Amino acid sequence: MSAPVLLAGSPSTDLLAELAVRAARIGDDVAGALRLAAELGATSTAPGTGRTLHRWSTLATLGAADLTASRVVEPHLDALAILAEAADAGLDVPLGAVGADRTSTWGVFAAEGPGLALQATESDHGWVLSGTKPWCSLADRLTHALITARTPEGRGLFAVALRSDRIQVLPGTWVARGLARVPSGPIVIDAAPAVPVGLPRWYLERPGFAWGGIGVAAVWFGGAVGIARKLLDHAAATPEDPLRLMALGAVDTALTGAAAALAASATAIDAGAVPAGEAGVLASRVRGVVAAAVELTLTRAGHTLGPAALALDEEHARRVADLTLYVRQHHAERDDLALGTQLVKRGTRPW
């Protein structure tokens, strides 16, 4: 399984091959994944700066090797990309005020939940955050996070230090069997100092918001590749079994389409060829194509490999559990609804 995932046009490099091997060895070692995130962050470039295809291939390679590692690394790289985009936009983000530096490890906590609200309040002494924030992955292990919170002008983005007595990680809430080593439960914040990253709504309105969503899809794609490799090995071992060959063909078709969508998005992003206001449409399409390929891969592999692979093969069973949970960041019919709404509002035929 420890082989790089190269999207069309992405050159094979020794670094990606080495990354595949390192990530596959991480297993339950979250501290090792955090060290890997810091190393990759030191040399990573944000989407749209000429190496987006390599970025997608890197994330896919991580996903194919180990989804725990990728679930740790991807948000860190996304946070650094957000901060780089803010700097390119001329925004002043004094990270030193929350003790952040080049050694910081980052999360991005942007989800919301029913009945939960994180409020940002400005005073003469600066901004503070108070309330409950759900879905905060590794809040007890990271040093910092970019967190969305409500302001009178709309949702804003703020940098905060997580190792604070004003932030409590609620224990015992993460019961998932997938991504079990990456707890993503809620945190309770009591007037924690925060630094705004841009004006309210900047986080959601910038093109990089869409590009970050495609980056997550690249990880999903890599996870499906890991399962497809298992299916390929079984089909090659029993070429007389037509059902395995049929499943392999269906999975290959789906993953080839997903890979093409990811590669095309990277090319368009780097070329500046995405029209103004169309970033969300592109991201929705790519995420939808990849999510469909992932779900088909999970289904066909499950039907074909049967219960033995899930019950007796620890690596495969964990990958299936991890990916099943991870891909639910795609909201299925709700995301289809959002894309259809965007297309109707646009008023032109897309095909």
Protein backbone atom coordinates (compact mmCIF):
# COMPACT_ATOMS: atom_id res chain seq x y z
CA MET A 1 0.00 0.00 0.00
CA SER A 2 2.91 2.36 0.62
CA ALA A 3 3.20 3.85 -2.86
CA PRO A 4 2.57 7.43 -3.97
CA VAL A 5 -0.67 8.48 -5.66
CA LEU A 6 0.20 10.54 -8.72
CA LEU A 7 -2.54 12.48 -10.47
CA ALA A 8 -2.15 12.94 -14.21
CA GLY A 9 0.59 15.45 -14.90
CA SER A 10 2.12 15.22 -11.44
CA PRO A 11 5.75 14.10 -11.69
CA SER A 12 6.88 11.14 -9.62
CA THR A 13 9.30 12.26 -6.96
CA ASP A 14 11.39 10.49 -4.38
CA LEU A 15 9.82 12.76 -1.77
CA LEU A 16 6.32 11.46 -2.49
CA ALA A 17 7.56 7.88 -2.44
CA GLU A 18 9.24 8.51 0.90
CA LEU A 19 6.10 10.22 2.20
CA ALA A 20 4.01 7.16 1.34
CA VAL A 21 6.33 4.90 3.33
CA ARG A 22 6.52 7.24 6.33
CA ALA A 23 2.78 7.81 6.50
CA ALA A 24 2.06 4.08 6.27
CA ARG A 25 4.22 3.50 9.34
CA ILE A 26 2.46 6.08 11.51
CA GLY A 27 -0.50 3.93 12.51
CA ASP A 28 -1.75 5.14 15.89
CA ASP A 29 1.21 7.47 16.47
CA VAL A 30 -0.55 10.86 16.47
CA ALA A 31 2.60 12.57 17.74
CA GLY A 32 4.43 11.20 14.71
CA ALA A 33 1.67 12.50 12.45
CA LEU A 34 2.01 15.94 14.03
CA ARG A 35 5.76 15.90 13.40
CA LEU A 36 5.09 14.97 9.79
CA ALA A 37 2.57 17.80 9.50
CA ALA A 38 5.14 20.30 10.76
CA GLU A 39 7.75 19.04 8.30
CA LEU A 40 5.39 19.21 5.33
CA GLY A 41 4.10 22.60 6.41
CA ALA A 42 7.60 24.05 6.31
CA THR A 43 7.78 23.53 2.54
CA SER A 44 4.14 23.43 1.43
CA THR A 45 2.64 26.00 -0.90
CA ALA A 46 -0.97 27.16 -0.93
CA PRO A 47 -3.37 26.18 -3.72
CA GLY A 48 -3.21 28.51 -6.68
CA THR A 49 0.50 29.25 -6.41
CA GLY A 50 1.65 26.89 -9.16
CA ARG A 51 1.96 23.56 -7.35
CA THR A 52 -1.66 22.66 -6.69
CA LEU A 53 -1.38 19.37 -8.57
CA HIS A 54 1.53 18.37 -6.37
CA ARG A 55 -0.47 19.39 -3.29
CA TRP A 56 -3.41 17.20 -4.33
CA SER A 57 -1.03 14.30 -5.05
CA THR A 58 0.59 14.76 -1.64
CA LEU A 59 -2.78 14.67 0.13
CA ALA A 60 -3.91 11.66 -1.92
CA THR A 61 -0.66 9.86 -1.12
CA LEU A 62 -1.25 10.47 2.58
CA GLY A 63 -4.82 9.21 2.30
CA ALA A 64 -3.79 6.01 0.57
CA ALA A 65 -1.07 5.33 3.13
CA ASP A 66 -2.90 6.12 6.37
CA LEU A 67 -6.06 8.11 6.96
CA THR A 68 -5.15 8.92 10.56
CA ALA A 69 -1.97 10.60 9.35
CA SER A 70 -3.81 12.47 6.62
CA ARG A 71 -6.55 13.59 9.03
CA VAL A 72 -3.82 15.20 11.16
CA VAL A 73 -1.76 16.69 8.33
CA GLU A 74 -4.48 18.09 6.06
CA PRO A 75 -5.94 20.66 8.52
CA HIS A 76 -2.45 21.86 9.44
CA LEU A 77 -1.61 22.48 5.79
CA ASP A 78 -5.00 24.11 5.25
CA ALA A 79 -4.44 26.49 8.16
CA LEU A 80 -1.05 27.51 6.78
CA ALA A 81 -2.62 28.08 3.36
CA ILE A 82 -5.30 30.29 4.94
CA LEU A 83 -2.68 32.35 6.76
CA ALA A 84 -0.62 32.66 3.57
CA GLU A 85 -3.71 33.84 1.68
CA ALA A 86 -4.34 36.41 4.39
CA ALA A 87 -0.77 37.66 4.09
CA ASP A 88 -1.07 37.87 0.28
CA ALA A 89 -4.24 39.92 0.74
CA GLY A 90 -2.34 42.39 2.93
CA LEU A 91 -4.18 41.43 6.10
CA ASP A 92 -2.40 42.05 9.38
CA VAL A 93 -2.61 38.93 11.54
CA PRO A 94 -0.36 39.35 14.62
CA LEU A 95 0.01 35.68 15.45
CA GLY A 96 2.57 36.48 18.11
CA ALA A 97 -0.29 37.81 20.22
CA VAL A 98 -1.50 34.23 20.68
CA GLY A 99 1.97 32.77 20.94
CA ALA A 100 2.05 31.18 17.48
CA ASP A 101 5.29 30.65 15.61
CA ARG A 102 6.82 28.28 13.06
CA THR A 103 6.70 25.38 15.50
CA SER A 104 2.93 25.67 16.03
CA THR A 105 0.62 22.85 15.00
CA TRP A 106 -2.71 23.99 13.63
CA GLY A 107 -6.28 22.86 13.29
CA VAL A 108 -9.18 24.51 11.48
CA PHE A 109 -12.42 24.42 13.46
CA ALA A 110 -15.13 25.81 11.18
CA ALA A 111 -18.07 23.44 11.71
CA GLU A 112 -21.22 24.46 13.53
CA GLY A 113 -23.88 22.41 15.27
CA PRO A 114 -27.51 22.84 16.28
CA GLY A 115 -27.91 24.76 19.50
CA LEU A 116 -24.21 25.61 19.67
CA ALA A 117 -22.81 29.06 19.09
CA LEU A 118 -19.33 30.46 19.52
CA GLN A 119 -19.41 34.22 19.90
CA ALA A 120 -16.61 36.67 19.21
CA THR A 121 -16.64 39.91 21.19
CA GLU A 122 -14.37 42.92 20.72
CA SER A 123 -13.29 45.11 23.60
CA ASP A 124 -10.64 47.72 24.25
CA HIS A 125 -8.26 44.87 25.00
CA GLY A 126 -8.93 42.92 21.80
CA TRP A 127 -11.13 40.05 20.75
CA VAL A 128 -12.26 37.14 22.94
CA LEU A 129 -14.22 34.00 22.09
CA SER A 130 -16.86 32.39 24.29
CA GLY A 131 -19.20 29.45 23.80
CA THR A 132 -19.08 25.88 22.52
CA LYS A 133 -17.49 24.77 19.26
CA PRO A 134 -18.20 21.26 17.91
CA TRP A 135 -15.99 19.03 15.75
CA CYS A 136 -12.62 20.20 17.04
CA SER A 137 -10.17 17.53 15.91
CA LEU A 138 -7.18 16.97 18.21
CA ALA A 139 -7.94 20.06 20.27
CA ASP A 140 -6.09 18.45 23.16
CA ARG A 141 -2.95 17.82 21.09
CA LEU A 142 -2.58 20.89 18.86
CA THR A 143 -1.05 24.17 19.95
CA HIS A 144 -3.26 26.52 17.90
CA ALA A 145 -6.36 26.65 15.76
CA LEU A 146 -8.18 28.86 13.31
CA ILE A 147 -11.77 28.99 14.59
CA THR A 148 -14.89 30.53 13.09
CA ALA A 149 -17.12 32.48 15.45
CA ARG A 150 -20.13 34.71 15.13
CA THR A 151 -19.80 38.47 15.10
CA PRO A 152 -22.48 41.15 14.55
CA GLU A 153 -21.23 41.44 10.94
CA GLY A 154 -21.22 37.70 10.19
CA ARG A 155 -18.98 34.70 10.76
CA GLY A 156 -15.38 35.64 11.32
CA LEU A 157 -12.17 33.65 11.55
CA PHE A 158 -9.89 33.88 14.56
CA ALA A 159 -6.54 32.44 15.62
CA VAL A 160 -6.41 31.11 19.18
CA ALA A 161 -3.97 29.30 21.43
CA LEU A 162 -5.47 25.97 22.48
CA ARG A 163 -3.23 25.33 25.46
CA SER A 164 -5.13 27.70 27.70
CA ASP A 165 -7.07 27.31 30.92
CA ARG A 166 -9.87 29.18 29.15
CA ILE A 167 -10.43 26.29 26.74
CA GLN A 168 -11.83 22.97 27.94
CA VAL A 169 -11.88 19.87 25.76
CA LEU A 170 -14.97 17.85 26.67
CA PRO A 171 -13.88 14.24 27.31
CA GLY A 172 -15.78 11.09 26.47
CA THR A 173 -17.69 12.44 23.48
CA TRP A 174 -15.75 10.74 20.65
CA VAL A 175 -17.00 7.16 20.30
CA ALA A 176 -16.25 6.72 16.59
CA ARG A 177 -14.73 3.44 15.39
CA GLY A 178 -13.27 5.23 12.38
CA LEU A 179 -10.51 7.78 12.95
CA ALA A 180 -10.54 6.65 16.56
CA ARG A 181 -7.14 8.26 17.25
CA VAL A 182 -8.30 11.68 16.02
CA PRO A 183 -10.99 12.70 18.53
CA SER A 184 -13.13 15.50 17.16
CA GLY A 185 -15.41 16.40 20.01
CA PRO A 186 -16.54 19.82 21.24
CA ILE A 187 -14.59 22.40 23.19
CA VAL A 188 -15.94 24.99 25.60
CA ILE A 189 -14.28 28.40 25.44
CA ASP A 190 -14.54 31.01 28.20
CA ALA A 191 -13.34 34.43 27.04
CA ALA A 192 -10.20 33.13 25.33
CA PRO A 193 -8.06 35.83 23.65
CA ALA A 194 -8.19 35.65 19.86
CA VAL A 195 -6.71 37.38 16.83
CA PRO A 196 -9.02 38.08 13.85
CA VAL A 197 -7.93 36.74 10.48
CA GLY A 198 -9.50 39.17 8.05
CA LEU A 199 -12.84 40.88 8.31
CA PRO A 200 -16.05 38.94 9.03
CA ARG A 201 -17.08 36.73 6.07
CA TRP A 202 -13.58 36.88 4.53
CA TYR A 203 -12.93 33.24 5.41
CA LEU A 204 -16.02 32.00 3.57
CA GLU A 205 -15.89 34.38 0.61
CA ARG A 206 -12.24 33.91 -0.44
CA PRO A 207 -11.49 31.44 -3.29
CA GLY A 208 -9.20 29.48 -0.98
CA PHE A 209 -12.23 28.26 0.98
CA ALA A 210 -13.26 26.22 -2.05
CA TRP A 211 -9.72 25.05 -2.74
CA GLY A 212 -9.43 23.74 0.82
CA GLY A 213 -12.56 21.69 0.27
CA ILE A 214 -11.03 20.10 -2.83
CA GLY A 215 -7.91 19.29 -0.81
CA VAL A 216 -10.04 17.26 1.59
CA ALA A 217 -11.51 15.42 -1.42
CA ALA A 218 -7.97 14.55 -2.51
CA VAL A 219 -7.52 12.77 0.84
CA TRP A 220 -10.80 10.87 0.35
CA PHE A 221 -9.60 9.85 -3.10
CA GLY A 222 -6.37 8.54 -1.64
CA GLY A 223 -8.28 6.52 0.95
CA ALA A 224 -10.33 4.92 -1.83
CA VAL A 225 -7.14 4.14 -3.74
CA GLY A 226 -5.87 2.23 -0.70
CA ILE A 227 -9.02 0.08 -0.73
CA ALA A 228 -8.87 -0.34 -4.51
CA ARG A 229 -5.32 -1.64 -4.26
CA LYS A 230 -6.58 -4.34 -1.91
CA LEU A 231 -9.30 -5.24 -4.40
CA LEU A 232 -6.78 -5.35 -7.25
CA ASP A 233 -4.54 -7.73 -5.31
CA HIS A 234 -7.45 -10.09 -4.69
CA ALA A 235 -8.63 -9.94 -8.29
CA ALA A 236 -5.11 -10.66 -9.56
CA ALA A 237 -4.85 -13.65 -7.22
CA THR A 238 -8.14 -15.13 -8.49
CA PRO A 239 -8.48 -14.06 -12.15
CA GLU A 240 -11.02 -16.83 -12.69
CA ASP A 241 -13.52 -14.98 -10.45
CA PRO A 242 -15.60 -12.76 -12.76
CA LEU A 243 -17.28 -10.89 -9.90
CA ARG A 244 -13.97 -9.62 -8.59
CA LEU A 245 -12.97 -8.53 -12.07
CA MET A 246 -16.32 -6.81 -12.54
CA ALA A 247 -15.95 -4.95 -9.24
CA LEU A 248 -12.41 -3.96 -10.13
CA GLY A 249 -13.53 -2.54 -13.46
CA ALA A 250 -16.29 -0.50 -11.85
CA VAL A 251 -13.94 0.85 -9.19
CA ASP A 252 -11.29 1.73 -11.78
CA THR A 253 -13.83 3.65 -13.86
CA ALA A 254 -15.01 5.63 -10.85
CA LEU A 255 -11.53 6.41 -9.54
CA THR A 256 -10.25 7.39 -12.98
CA GLY A 257 -13.05 9.93 -13.23
CA ALA A 258 -12.31 11.26 -9.75
CA ALA A 259 -8.60 11.55 -10.52
CA ALA A 260 -9.38 13.46 -13.71
CA ALA A 261 -11.63 15.88 -11.81
CA LEU A 262 -8.94 16.53 -9.22
CA ALA A 263 -6.22 17.04 -11.83
CA ALA A 264 -8.40 19.36 -13.92
CA SER A 265 -9.26 21.44 -10.87
CA ALA A 266 -5.58 21.87 -10.00
CA THR A 267 -4.77 22.99 -13.53
CA ALA A 268 -7.65 25.47 -13.58
CA ILE A 269 -6.79 26.87 -10.15
CA ASP A 270 -3.13 27.45 -10.98
CA ALA A 271 -4.00 28.96 -14.37
CA GLY A 272 -6.40 31.42 -12.77
CA ALA A 273 -9.05 30.01 -15.09
CA VAL A 274 -11.88 29.76 -12.54
CA PRO A 275 -14.29 32.67 -13.20
CA ALA A 276 -15.16 35.00 -10.35
CA GLY A 277 -17.89 33.49 -8.24
CA GLU A 278 -17.39 30.00 -9.68
CA ALA A 279 -14.99 28.59 -7.09
CA GLY A 280 -17.81 27.09 -5.06
CA VAL A 281 -19.34 25.40 -8.11
CA LEU A 282 -16.01 23.85 -9.05
CA ALA A 283 -15.40 22.61 -5.51
CA SER A 284 -18.91 21.16 -5.22
CA ARG A 285 -18.51 19.28 -8.50
CA VAL A 286 -15.11 17.84 -7.64
CA ARG A 287 -16.11 16.87 -4.11
CA GLY A 288 -19.29 15.26 -5.43
CA VAL A 289 -17.44 13.25 -8.08
CA VAL A 290 -14.83 12.08 -5.58
CA ALA A 291 -17.38 11.24 -2.86
CA ALA A 292 -19.40 9.16 -5.32
CA ALA A 293 -16.25 7.27 -6.35
CA VAL A 294 -15.36 6.67 -2.71
CA GLU A 295 -18.79 5.31 -1.86
CA LEU A 296 -18.79 3.04 -4.91
CA THR A 297 -15.34 1.76 -3.96
CA LEU A 298 -16.43 1.03 -0.39
CA THR A 299 -19.56 -0.76 -1.60
CA ARG A 300 -17.92 -2.84 -4.34
CA ALA A 301 -14.98 -3.81 -2.15
CA GLY A 302 -17.34 -4.81 0.66
CA HIS A 303 -19.49 -6.93 -1.65
CA THR A 304 -16.50 -8.56 -3.30
CA LEU A 305 -14.07 -9.13 -0.45
CA GLY A 306 -16.77 -10.23 1.96
CA PRO A 307 -16.63 -10.25 5.76
CA ALA A 308 -13.19 -11.82 6.07
CA ALA A 309 -11.31 -8.70 5.02
CA LEU A 310 -13.28 -6.61 7.50
CA ALA A 311 -12.97 -9.10 10.34
CA LEU A 312 -9.45 -10.48 9.91
CA ASP A 313 -7.38 -7.84 8.09
CA GLU A 314 -6.63 -5.07 10.59
CA GLU A 315 -5.19 -2.62 8.08
CA HIS A 316 -8.09 -2.96 5.65
CA ALA A 317 -10.74 -2.90 8.37
CA ARG A 318 -9.33 0.28 9.83
CA ARG A 319 -9.05 1.93 6.43
CA VAL A 320 -12.69 1.13 5.67
CA ALA A 321 -13.85 2.46 9.04
CA ASP A 322 -11.72 5.59 8.73
CA LEU A 323 -12.84 6.37 5.18
CA THR A 324 -16.51 5.68 5.89
CA LEU A 325 -16.45 8.38 8.56
CA TYR A 326 -14.10 10.75 6.72
CA VAL A 327 -16.15 10.93 3.52
CA ARG A 328 -19.19 12.00 5.50
CA GLN A 329 -17.68 15.46 5.49
CA HIS A 330 -19.45 15.44 2.15
CA HIS A 331 -23.08 16.09 2.97
CA ALA A 332 -24.51 13.92 0.19
CA GLU A 333 -27.96 15.12 -0.89
CA ARG A 334 -27.55 18.41 0.95
CA ASP A 335 -24.44 19.20 -1.09
CA ASP A 336 -26.26 18.15 -4.27
CA LEU A 337 -29.03 20.56 -3.31
CA ALA A 338 -26.55 23.37 -2.76
CA LEU A 339 -24.90 22.76 -6.13
CA GLY A 340 -28.23 22.59 -7.96
CA THR A 341 -29.27 25.86 -6.32
CA GLN A 342 -26.06 27.54 -7.47
CA LEU A 343 -26.58 26.33 -11.04
CA VAL A 344 -30.16 27.62 -11.20
CA LYS A 345 -29.17 31.00 -9.78
CA ARG A 346 -26.43 31.28 -12.40
CA GLY A 347 -29.09 31.25 -15.10
CA THR A 348 -27.04 29.56 -17.83
CA ARG A 349 -26.83 25.95 -18.96
CA PRO A 350 -23.67 24.36 -17.61
CA TRP A 351 -23.43 21.61 -20.24
